[in-house]
mmCIF file of all heavy atoms, coordinates in Angstrom:
data_MODEL
# 
_entry.id   MODEL 
# 
loop_
_atom_site.group_PDB 
_atom_site.id 
_atom_site.type_symbol 
_atom_site.label_atom_id 
_atom_site.label_alt_id 
_atom_site.label_comp_id 
_atom_site.label_asym_id 
_atom_site.label_entity_id 
_atom_site.label_seq_id 
_atom_site.pdbx_PDB_ins_code 
_atom_site.Cartn_x 
_atom_site.Cartn_y 
_atom_site.Cartn_z 
_atom_site.occupancy 
_atom_site.B_iso_or_equiv 
_atom_site.pdbx_formal_charge 
_atom_site.auth_seq_id 
_atom_site.auth_comp_id 
_atom_site.auth_asym_id 
_atom_site.auth_atom_id 
_atom_site.pdbx_PDB_model_num 
ATOM 1   N N   . ARG A 1 1  ? -7.015  -2.694  6.160  1.00 0.00 ? 1  ARG A N   1 
ATOM 2   C CA  . ARG A 1 1  ? -6.362  -2.538  7.475  1.00 0.00 ? 1  ARG A CA  1 
ATOM 3   C C   . ARG A 1 1  ? -5.176  -3.518  7.634  1.00 0.00 ? 1  ARG A C   1 
ATOM 4   O O   . ARG A 1 1  ? -5.026  -4.484  6.856  1.00 0.00 ? 1  ARG A O   1 
ATOM 5   C CB  . ARG A 1 1  ? -7.393  -2.816  8.584  1.00 0.00 ? 1  ARG A CB  1 
ATOM 6   C CG  . ARG A 1 1  ? -8.110  -4.125  8.531  1.00 0.00 ? 1  ARG A CG  1 
ATOM 7   C CD  . ARG A 1 1  ? -8.887  -4.383  9.776  1.00 0.00 ? 1  ARG A CD  1 
ATOM 8   N NE  . ARG A 1 1  ? -9.904  -3.325  9.990  1.00 0.00 ? 1  ARG A NE  1 
ATOM 9   C CZ  . ARG A 1 1  ? -11.159 -3.432  9.617  1.00 0.00 ? 1  ARG A CZ  1 
ATOM 10  N NH1 . ARG A 1 1  ? -11.602 -4.559  8.969  1.00 0.00 ? 1  ARG A NH1 1 
ATOM 11  N NH2 . ARG A 1 1  ? -12.029 -2.474  9.933  1.00 0.00 ? 1  ARG A NH2 1 
ATOM 12  N N   . GLN A 1 2  ? -4.442  -3.317  8.691  1.00 0.00 ? 2  GLN A N   1 
ATOM 13  C CA  . GLN A 1 2  ? -3.248  -4.140  8.965  1.00 0.00 ? 2  GLN A CA  1 
ATOM 14  C C   . GLN A 1 2  ? -3.625  -5.615  9.057  1.00 0.00 ? 2  GLN A C   1 
ATOM 15  O O   . GLN A 1 2  ? -4.648  -5.919  9.686  1.00 0.00 ? 2  GLN A O   1 
ATOM 16  C CB  . GLN A 1 2  ? -2.544  -3.669  10.202 1.00 0.00 ? 2  GLN A CB  1 
ATOM 17  C CG  . GLN A 1 2  ? -1.235  -4.333  10.518 1.00 0.00 ? 2  GLN A CG  1 
ATOM 18  C CD  . GLN A 1 2  ? -0.478  -3.649  11.637 1.00 0.00 ? 2  GLN A CD  1 
ATOM 19  O OE1 . GLN A 1 2  ? -0.479  -2.431  11.735 1.00 0.00 ? 2  GLN A OE1 1 
ATOM 20  N NE2 . GLN A 1 2  ? 0.160   -4.450  12.507 1.00 0.00 ? 2  GLN A NE2 1 
ATOM 21  N N   . GLY A 1 3  ? -2.778  -6.417  8.499  1.00 0.00 ? 3  GLY A N   1 
ATOM 22  C CA  . GLY A 1 3  ? -2.975  -7.894  8.580  1.00 0.00 ? 3  GLY A CA  1 
ATOM 23  C C   . GLY A 1 3  ? -3.535  -8.511  7.309  1.00 0.00 ? 3  GLY A C   1 
ATOM 24  O O   . GLY A 1 3  ? -3.447  -9.710  7.119  1.00 0.00 ? 3  GLY A O   1 
ATOM 25  N N   . MET A 1 4  ? -4.109  -7.697  6.407  1.00 0.00 ? 4  MET A N   1 
ATOM 26  C CA  . MET A 1 4  ? -4.586  -8.254  5.105  1.00 0.00 ? 4  MET A CA  1 
ATOM 27  C C   . MET A 1 4  ? -3.430  -8.638  4.246  1.00 0.00 ? 4  MET A C   1 
ATOM 28  O O   . MET A 1 4  ? -2.432  -7.946  4.149  1.00 0.00 ? 4  MET A O   1 
ATOM 29  C CB  . MET A 1 4  ? -5.451  -7.162  4.392  1.00 0.00 ? 4  MET A CB  1 
ATOM 30  C CG  . MET A 1 4  ? -6.760  -6.932  5.078  1.00 0.00 ? 4  MET A CG  1 
ATOM 31  S SD  . MET A 1 4  ? -7.736  -5.663  4.169  1.00 0.00 ? 4  MET A SD  1 
ATOM 32  C CE  . MET A 1 4  ? -9.285  -5.861  4.969  1.00 0.00 ? 4  MET A CE  1 
ATOM 33  N N   . THR A 1 5  ? -3.608  -9.794  3.627  1.00 0.00 ? 5  THR A N   1 
ATOM 34  C CA  . THR A 1 5  ? -2.550  -10.322 2.761  1.00 0.00 ? 5  THR A CA  1 
ATOM 35  C C   . THR A 1 5  ? -3.032  -10.848 1.399  1.00 0.00 ? 5  THR A C   1 
ATOM 36  O O   . THR A 1 5  ? -2.316  -11.551 0.738  1.00 0.00 ? 5  THR A O   1 
ATOM 37  C CB  . THR A 1 5  ? -1.830  -11.519 3.440  1.00 0.00 ? 5  THR A CB  1 
ATOM 38  O OG1 . THR A 1 5  ? -2.813  -12.531 3.735  1.00 0.00 ? 5  THR A OG1 1 
ATOM 39  C CG2 . THR A 1 5  ? -1.201  -11.066 4.782  1.00 0.00 ? 5  THR A CG2 1 
ATOM 40  N N   . ASP A 1 6  ? -4.260  -10.562 1.054  1.00 0.00 ? 6  ASP A N   1 
ATOM 41  C CA  . ASP A 1 6  ? -4.862  -11.233 -0.064 1.00 0.00 ? 6  ASP A CA  1 
ATOM 42  C C   . ASP A 1 6  ? -5.562  -10.307 -1.052 1.00 0.00 ? 6  ASP A C   1 
ATOM 43  O O   . ASP A 1 6  ? -6.713  -10.605 -1.354 1.00 0.00 ? 6  ASP A O   1 
ATOM 44  C CB  . ASP A 1 6  ? -5.851  -12.313 0.408  1.00 0.00 ? 6  ASP A CB  1 
ATOM 45  C CG  . ASP A 1 6  ? -6.961  -11.727 1.245  1.00 0.00 ? 6  ASP A CG  1 
ATOM 46  O OD1 . ASP A 1 6  ? -6.829  -10.551 1.626  1.00 0.00 ? 6  ASP A OD1 1 
ATOM 47  O OD2 . ASP A 1 6  ? -7.973  -12.372 1.400  1.00 0.00 ? 6  ASP A OD2 1 
ATOM 48  N N   . GLY A 1 7  ? -4.972  -9.263  -1.571 1.00 0.00 ? 7  GLY A N   1 
ATOM 49  C CA  . GLY A 1 7  ? -5.769  -8.462  -2.453 1.00 0.00 ? 7  GLY A CA  1 
ATOM 50  C C   . GLY A 1 7  ? -5.009  -7.439  -3.315 1.00 0.00 ? 7  GLY A C   1 
ATOM 51  O O   . GLY A 1 7  ? -4.065  -6.804  -2.814 1.00 0.00 ? 7  GLY A O   1 
ATOM 52  N N   . PRO A 1 8  ? -5.384  -7.329  -4.620 1.00 0.00 ? 8  PRO A N   1 
ATOM 53  C CA  . PRO A 1 8  ? -4.842  -6.248  -5.409 1.00 0.00 ? 8  PRO A CA  1 
ATOM 54  C C   . PRO A 1 8  ? -5.226  -4.871  -4.970 1.00 0.00 ? 8  PRO A C   1 
ATOM 55  O O   . PRO A 1 8  ? -4.548  -3.927  -5.295 1.00 0.00 ? 8  PRO A O   1 
ATOM 56  C CB  . PRO A 1 8  ? -5.439  -6.561  -6.785 1.00 0.00 ? 8  PRO A CB  1 
ATOM 57  C CG  . PRO A 1 8  ? -6.686  -7.334  -6.537 1.00 0.00 ? 8  PRO A CG  1 
ATOM 58  C CD  . PRO A 1 8  ? -6.366  -8.146  -5.340 1.00 0.00 ? 8  PRO A CD  1 
ATOM 59  N N   . ASP A 1 9  ? -6.302  -4.735  -4.157 1.00 0.00 ? 9  ASP A N   1 
ATOM 60  C CA  . ASP A 1 9  ? -6.711  -3.474  -3.592 1.00 0.00 ? 9  ASP A CA  1 
ATOM 61  C C   . ASP A 1 9  ? -5.663  -2.993  -2.611 1.00 0.00 ? 9  ASP A C   1 
ATOM 62  O O   . ASP A 1 9  ? -5.378  -1.729  -2.510 1.00 0.00 ? 9  ASP A O   1 
ATOM 63  C CB  . ASP A 1 9  ? -8.049  -3.487  -3.004 1.00 0.00 ? 9  ASP A CB  1 
ATOM 64  C CG  . ASP A 1 9  ? -8.282  -4.638  -2.031 1.00 0.00 ? 9  ASP A CG  1 
ATOM 65  O OD1 . ASP A 1 9  ? -7.402  -5.483  -1.917 1.00 0.00 ? 9  ASP A OD1 1 
ATOM 66  O OD2 . ASP A 1 9  ? -9.327  -4.592  -1.335 1.00 0.00 ? 9  ASP A OD2 1 
ATOM 67  N N   . VAL A 1 10 ? -4.994  -3.880  -1.871 1.00 0.00 ? 10 VAL A N   1 
ATOM 68  C CA  . VAL A 1 10 ? -3.901  -3.472  -0.983 1.00 0.00 ? 10 VAL A CA  1 
ATOM 69  C C   . VAL A 1 10 ? -2.691  -3.005  -1.775 1.00 0.00 ? 10 VAL A C   1 
ATOM 70  O O   . VAL A 1 10 ? -2.120  -2.005  -1.490 1.00 0.00 ? 10 VAL A O   1 
ATOM 71  C CB  . VAL A 1 10 ? -3.494  -4.683  -0.066 1.00 0.00 ? 10 VAL A CB  1 
ATOM 72  C CG1 . VAL A 1 10 ? -2.280  -4.305  0.813  1.00 0.00 ? 10 VAL A CG1 1 
ATOM 73  C CG2 . VAL A 1 10 ? -4.658  -5.093  0.844  1.00 0.00 ? 10 VAL A CG2 1 
ATOM 74  N N   . ARG A 1 11 ? -2.366  -3.721  -2.819 1.00 0.00 ? 11 ARG A N   1 
ATOM 75  C CA  . ARG A 1 11 ? -1.242  -3.366  -3.696 1.00 0.00 ? 11 ARG A CA  1 
ATOM 76  C C   . ARG A 1 11 ? -1.461  -1.959  -4.318 1.00 0.00 ? 11 ARG A C   1 
ATOM 77  O O   . ARG A 1 11 ? -0.565  -1.120  -4.326 1.00 0.00 ? 11 ARG A O   1 
ATOM 78  C CB  . ARG A 1 11 ? -1.069  -4.393  -4.815 1.00 0.00 ? 11 ARG A CB  1 
ATOM 79  C CG  . ARG A 1 11 ? 0.115   -4.022  -5.691 1.00 0.00 ? 11 ARG A CG  1 
ATOM 80  C CD  . ARG A 1 11 ? 0.203   -4.993  -6.870 1.00 0.00 ? 11 ARG A CD  1 
ATOM 81  N NE  . ARG A 1 11 ? 0.561   -6.355  -6.357 1.00 0.00 ? 11 ARG A NE  1 
ATOM 82  C CZ  . ARG A 1 11 ? 1.811   -6.804  -6.161 1.00 0.00 ? 11 ARG A CZ  1 
ATOM 83  N NH1 . ARG A 1 11 ? 2.777   -5.922  -6.394 1.00 0.00 ? 11 ARG A NH1 1 
ATOM 84  N NH2 . ARG A 1 11 ? 2.060   -7.976  -5.754 1.00 0.00 ? 11 ARG A NH2 1 
ATOM 85  N N   . GLN A 1 12 ? -2.668  -1.654  -4.799 1.00 0.00 ? 12 GLN A N   1 
ATOM 86  C CA  . GLN A 1 12 ? -2.879  -0.381  -5.465 1.00 0.00 ? 12 GLN A CA  1 
ATOM 87  C C   . GLN A 1 12 ? -2.861  0.741   -4.411 1.00 0.00 ? 12 GLN A C   1 
ATOM 88  O O   . GLN A 1 12 ? -2.460  1.867   -4.758 1.00 0.00 ? 12 GLN A O   1 
ATOM 89  C CB  . GLN A 1 12 ? -4.159  -0.365  -6.275 1.00 0.00 ? 12 GLN A CB  1 
ATOM 90  C CG  . GLN A 1 12 ? -5.438  -0.328  -5.497 1.00 0.00 ? 12 GLN A CG  1 
ATOM 91  C CD  . GLN A 1 12 ? -6.711  -0.305  -6.416 1.00 0.00 ? 12 GLN A CD  1 
ATOM 92  O OE1 . GLN A 1 12 ? -6.635  -0.494  -7.604 1.00 0.00 ? 12 GLN A OE1 1 
ATOM 93  N NE2 . GLN A 1 12 ? -7.818  0.010   -5.821 1.00 0.00 ? 12 GLN A NE2 1 
ATOM 94  N N   . LEU A 1 13 ? -3.317  0.516   -3.206 1.00 0.00 ? 13 LEU A N   1 
ATOM 95  C CA  . LEU A 1 13 ? -3.240  1.482   -2.147 1.00 0.00 ? 13 LEU A CA  1 
ATOM 96  C C   . LEU A 1 13 ? -1.779  1.810   -1.833 1.00 0.00 ? 13 LEU A C   1 
ATOM 97  O O   . LEU A 1 13 ? -1.387  2.956   -1.751 1.00 0.00 ? 13 LEU A O   1 
ATOM 98  C CB  . LEU A 1 13 ? -3.898  0.985   -0.855 1.00 0.00 ? 13 LEU A CB  1 
ATOM 99  C CG  . LEU A 1 13 ? -3.755  1.911   0.398  1.00 0.00 ? 13 LEU A CG  1 
ATOM 100 C CD1 . LEU A 1 13 ? -4.373  3.261   0.165  1.00 0.00 ? 13 LEU A CD1 1 
ATOM 101 C CD2 . LEU A 1 13 ? -4.331  1.224   1.624  1.00 0.00 ? 13 LEU A CD2 1 
ATOM 102 N N   . GLU A 1 14 ? -0.934  0.760   -1.712 1.00 0.00 ? 14 GLU A N   1 
ATOM 103 C CA  . GLU A 1 14 ? 0.462   0.944   -1.439 1.00 0.00 ? 14 GLU A CA  1 
ATOM 104 C C   . GLU A 1 14 ? 1.175   1.692   -2.575 1.00 0.00 ? 14 GLU A C   1 
ATOM 105 O O   . GLU A 1 14 ? 2.093   2.541   -2.348 1.00 0.00 ? 14 GLU A O   1 
ATOM 106 C CB  . GLU A 1 14 ? 1.124   -0.420  -1.152 1.00 0.00 ? 14 GLU A CB  1 
ATOM 107 C CG  . GLU A 1 14 ? 0.656   -1.019  0.169  1.00 0.00 ? 14 GLU A CG  1 
ATOM 108 C CD  . GLU A 1 14 ? 1.186   -2.407  0.378  1.00 0.00 ? 14 GLU A CD  1 
ATOM 109 O OE1 . GLU A 1 14 ? 1.545   -3.108  -0.587 1.00 0.00 ? 14 GLU A OE1 1 
ATOM 110 O OE2 . GLU A 1 14 ? 1.330   -2.827  1.575  1.00 0.00 ? 14 GLU A OE2 1 
ATOM 111 N N   . ARG A 1 15 ? 0.780   1.332   -3.774 1.00 0.00 ? 15 ARG A N   1 
ATOM 112 C CA  . ARG A 1 15 ? 1.381   1.990   -4.921 1.00 0.00 ? 15 ARG A CA  1 
ATOM 113 C C   . ARG A 1 15 ? 1.075   3.518   -4.952 1.00 0.00 ? 15 ARG A C   1 
ATOM 114 O O   . ARG A 1 15 ? 1.922   4.373   -5.217 1.00 0.00 ? 15 ARG A O   1 
ATOM 115 C CB  . ARG A 1 15 ? 0.907   1.355   -6.245 1.00 0.00 ? 15 ARG A CB  1 
ATOM 116 C CG  . ARG A 1 15 ? 1.553   1.912   -7.484 1.00 0.00 ? 15 ARG A CG  1 
ATOM 117 C CD  . ARG A 1 15 ? 1.088   1.191   -8.749 1.00 0.00 ? 15 ARG A CD  1 
ATOM 118 N NE  . ARG A 1 15 ? 1.489   -0.183  -8.799 1.00 0.00 ? 15 ARG A NE  1 
ATOM 119 C CZ  . ARG A 1 15 ? 0.654   -1.257  -8.732 1.00 0.00 ? 15 ARG A CZ  1 
ATOM 120 N NH1 . ARG A 1 15 ? -0.684  -1.036  -8.632 1.00 0.00 ? 15 ARG A NH1 1 
ATOM 121 N NH2 . ARG A 1 15 ? 1.103   -2.465  -8.850 1.00 0.00 ? 15 ARG A NH2 1 
ATOM 122 N N   . ALA A 1 16 ? -0.228  3.823   -4.618 1.00 0.00 ? 16 ALA A N   1 
ATOM 123 C CA  . ALA A 1 16 ? -0.681  5.224   -4.586 1.00 0.00 ? 16 ALA A CA  1 
ATOM 124 C C   . ALA A 1 16 ? 0.074   5.937   -3.453 1.00 0.00 ? 16 ALA A C   1 
ATOM 125 O O   . ALA A 1 16 ? 0.494   7.109   -3.690 1.00 0.00 ? 16 ALA A O   1 
ATOM 126 C CB  . ALA A 1 16 ? -2.119  5.283   -4.433 1.00 0.00 ? 16 ALA A CB  1 
ATOM 127 N N   . LEU A 1 17 ? 0.177   5.345   -2.306 1.00 0.00 ? 17 LEU A N   1 
ATOM 128 C CA  . LEU A 1 17 ? 0.873   6.012   -1.192 1.00 0.00 ? 17 LEU A CA  1 
ATOM 129 C C   . LEU A 1 17 ? 2.336   6.303   -1.529 1.00 0.00 ? 17 LEU A C   1 
ATOM 130 O O   . LEU A 1 17 ? 2.828   7.352   -1.210 1.00 0.00 ? 17 LEU A O   1 
ATOM 131 C CB  . LEU A 1 17 ? 0.771   5.148   0.065  1.00 0.00 ? 17 LEU A CB  1 
ATOM 132 C CG  . LEU A 1 17 ? -0.624  5.011   0.689  1.00 0.00 ? 17 LEU A CG  1 
ATOM 133 C CD1 . LEU A 1 17 ? -0.596  3.939   1.790  1.00 0.00 ? 17 LEU A CD1 1 
ATOM 134 C CD2 . LEU A 1 17 ? -1.066  6.365   1.311  1.00 0.00 ? 17 LEU A CD2 1 
ATOM 135 N N   . THR A 1 18 ? 2.952   5.396   -2.235 1.00 0.00 ? 18 THR A N   1 
ATOM 136 C CA  . THR A 1 18 ? 4.359   5.556   -2.686 1.00 0.00 ? 18 THR A CA  1 
ATOM 137 C C   . THR A 1 18 ? 4.442   6.770   -3.656 1.00 0.00 ? 18 THR A C   1 
ATOM 138 O O   . THR A 1 18 ? 5.340   7.614   -3.554 1.00 0.00 ? 18 THR A O   1 
ATOM 139 C CB  . THR A 1 18 ? 4.883   4.327   -3.368 1.00 0.00 ? 18 THR A CB  1 
ATOM 140 O OG1 . THR A 1 18 ? 4.847   3.200   -2.411 1.00 0.00 ? 18 THR A OG1 1 
ATOM 141 C CG2 . THR A 1 18 ? 6.296   4.524   -3.860 1.00 0.00 ? 18 THR A CG2 1 
ATOM 142 N N   . ALA A 1 19 ? 3.514   6.818   -4.602 1.00 0.00 ? 19 ALA A N   1 
ATOM 143 C CA  . ALA A 1 19 ? 3.471   7.954   -5.585 1.00 0.00 ? 19 ALA A CA  1 
ATOM 144 C C   . ALA A 1 19 ? 3.305   9.251   -4.891 1.00 0.00 ? 19 ALA A C   1 
ATOM 145 O O   . ALA A 1 19 ? 3.744   10.315  -5.370 1.00 0.00 ? 19 ALA A O   1 
ATOM 146 C CB  . ALA A 1 19 ? 2.403   7.678   -6.618 1.00 0.00 ? 19 ALA A CB  1 
ATOM 147 N N   . LEU A 1 20 ? 2.593   9.305   -3.726 1.00 0.00 ? 20 LEU A N   1 
ATOM 148 C CA  . LEU A 1 20 ? 2.298   10.519  -3.041 1.00 0.00 ? 20 LEU A CA  1 
ATOM 149 C C   . LEU A 1 20 ? 3.321   10.805  -1.965 1.00 0.00 ? 20 LEU A C   1 
ATOM 150 O O   . LEU A 1 20 ? 3.207   11.815  -1.226 1.00 0.00 ? 20 LEU A O   1 
ATOM 151 C CB  . LEU A 1 20 ? 0.903   10.437  -2.376 1.00 0.00 ? 20 LEU A CB  1 
ATOM 152 C CG  . LEU A 1 20 ? -0.292  10.388  -3.356 1.00 0.00 ? 20 LEU A CG  1 
ATOM 153 C CD1 . LEU A 1 20 ? -1.586  10.078  -2.566 1.00 0.00 ? 20 LEU A CD1 1 
ATOM 154 C CD2 . LEU A 1 20 ? -0.350  11.638  -4.121 1.00 0.00 ? 20 LEU A CD2 1 
ATOM 155 N N   . GLY A 1 21 ? 4.428   10.019  -1.953 1.00 0.00 ? 21 GLY A N   1 
ATOM 156 C CA  . GLY A 1 21 ? 5.526   10.311  -1.092 1.00 0.00 ? 21 GLY A CA  1 
ATOM 157 C C   . GLY A 1 21 ? 5.374   9.780   0.321  1.00 0.00 ? 21 GLY A C   1 
ATOM 158 O O   . GLY A 1 21 ? 6.050   10.311  1.304  1.00 0.00 ? 21 GLY A O   1 
ATOM 159 N N   . HIS A 1 22 ? 4.518   8.824   0.572  1.00 0.00 ? 22 HIS A N   1 
ATOM 160 C CA  . HIS A 1 22 ? 4.279   8.321   1.916  1.00 0.00 ? 22 HIS A CA  1 
ATOM 161 C C   . HIS A 1 22 ? 4.703   6.830   2.016  1.00 0.00 ? 22 HIS A C   1 
ATOM 162 O O   . HIS A 1 22 ? 3.980   6.014   2.696  1.00 0.00 ? 22 HIS A O   1 
ATOM 163 C CB  . HIS A 1 22 ? 2.800   8.420   2.305  1.00 0.00 ? 22 HIS A CB  1 
ATOM 164 C CG  . HIS A 1 22 ? 2.356   9.844   2.367  1.00 0.00 ? 22 HIS A CG  1 
ATOM 165 N ND1 . HIS A 1 22 ? 2.750   10.784  3.300  1.00 0.00 ? 22 HIS A ND1 1 
ATOM 166 C CD2 . HIS A 1 22 ? 1.467   10.530  1.525  1.00 0.00 ? 22 HIS A CD2 1 
ATOM 167 C CE1 . HIS A 1 22 ? 2.194   11.943  3.075  1.00 0.00 ? 22 HIS A CE1 1 
ATOM 168 N NE2 . HIS A 1 22 ? 1.407   11.842  2.001  1.00 0.00 ? 22 HIS A NE2 1 
ATOM 169 N N   . ASP A 1 23 ? 5.750   6.412   1.352  1.00 0.00 ? 23 ASP A N   1 
ATOM 170 C CA  . ASP A 1 23 ? 6.159   5.023   1.304  1.00 0.00 ? 23 ASP A CA  1 
ATOM 171 C C   . ASP A 1 23 ? 6.890   4.592   2.613  1.00 0.00 ? 23 ASP A C   1 
ATOM 172 O O   . ASP A 1 23 ? 6.662   3.526   3.198  1.00 0.00 ? 23 ASP A O   1 
ATOM 173 C CB  . ASP A 1 23 ? 7.017   4.712   0.079  1.00 0.00 ? 23 ASP A CB  1 
ATOM 174 C CG  . ASP A 1 23 ? 8.154   5.706   -0.092 1.00 0.00 ? 23 ASP A CG  1 
ATOM 175 O OD1 . ASP A 1 23 ? 8.089   6.802   0.456  1.00 0.00 ? 23 ASP A OD1 1 
ATOM 176 O OD2 . ASP A 1 23 ? 9.053   5.368   -0.832 1.00 0.00 ? 23 ASP A OD2 1 
ATOM 177 N N   . GLY A 1 24 ? 7.888   5.371   3.079  1.00 0.00 ? 24 GLY A N   1 
ATOM 178 C CA  . GLY A 1 24 ? 8.661   5.020   4.276  1.00 0.00 ? 24 GLY A CA  1 
ATOM 179 C C   . GLY A 1 24 ? 9.349   3.740   4.032  1.00 0.00 ? 24 GLY A C   1 
ATOM 180 O O   . GLY A 1 24 ? 10.023  3.480   3.033  1.00 0.00 ? 24 GLY A O   1 
ATOM 181 N N   . ALA A 1 25 ? 9.097   2.745   4.965  1.00 0.00 ? 25 ALA A N   1 
ATOM 182 C CA  . ALA A 1 25 ? 9.709   1.397   4.875  1.00 0.00 ? 25 ALA A CA  1 
ATOM 183 C C   . ALA A 1 25 ? 8.765   0.404   4.241  1.00 0.00 ? 25 ALA A C   1 
ATOM 184 O O   . ALA A 1 25 ? 9.012   -0.815  4.231  1.00 0.00 ? 25 ALA A O   1 
ATOM 185 C CB  . ALA A 1 25 ? 10.102  0.894   6.255  1.00 0.00 ? 25 ALA A CB  1 
ATOM 186 N N   . MET A 1 26 ? 7.684   0.899   3.683  1.00 0.00 ? 26 MET A N   1 
ATOM 187 C CA  . MET A 1 26 ? 6.670   0.031   3.094  1.00 0.00 ? 26 MET A CA  1 
ATOM 188 C C   . MET A 1 26 ? 7.107   -0.604  1.789  1.00 0.00 ? 26 MET A C   1 
ATOM 189 O O   . MET A 1 26 ? 7.794   0.000   1.014  1.00 0.00 ? 26 MET A O   1 
ATOM 190 C CB  . MET A 1 26 ? 5.380   0.850   2.884  1.00 0.00 ? 26 MET A CB  1 
ATOM 191 C CG  . MET A 1 26 ? 4.206   0.110   2.277  1.00 0.00 ? 26 MET A CG  1 
ATOM 192 S SD  . MET A 1 26 ? 2.873   1.262   1.955  1.00 0.00 ? 26 MET A SD  1 
ATOM 193 C CE  . MET A 1 26 ? 3.597   2.318   0.709  1.00 0.00 ? 26 MET A CE  1 
# 
């Protein structure tokens, strides 16, 4: 959820969202 700053699990979620076309300004 929003506010987390300490995990590779956040990075892999953002990478997957980017690959699926949902990156926006992320």
